[in-house]
Amino acid sequence: LNNPDKGEIDLETVKKRITAIREADLPVLVTNKRLFVDKLEAFRSSYCIMGYDTVTRFLDPKYYDNCYNYVIATLGEIKRRNIKIIVAGRKDPKTGVKPRNPRSHRFLILNSFFNC
């Protein structure tokens, strides 16, 4: 598996991530596509869980030839395919701990914030 910013992801890391999701009794789909826009072919009427930093990269125009119109088109394609993106809260980068306020690290559904 490959990440456009981090390079290849080692097999042990992938196995740990899959195990964690399977322990939550959720189905898992793994793809070797590097860019999210390329992954859309595999996902229809599904949920995709991403961390905060991943969503930030996902919305970054640099992955879309620096074109905001491509970003908007991708969001429209997500809606058309009925894909729900769930955004996991993140840890404080300085302390490595999630904030104490439970509202500040809830899961959010990204689709709630755009109207394509």
Foldseek 3Di string as FASTA:
>chain_A
DAEPVPGDDDPVVVVVVCVVCVVVVDDDDDDPDHAPLVCLVVDALEEAEDEPVVVVVNQQCVVVVVDNVSSVVSLVSCVVRNYWYKYFAAADPVPRHRDPPPVRGDIDTVNVVDDD
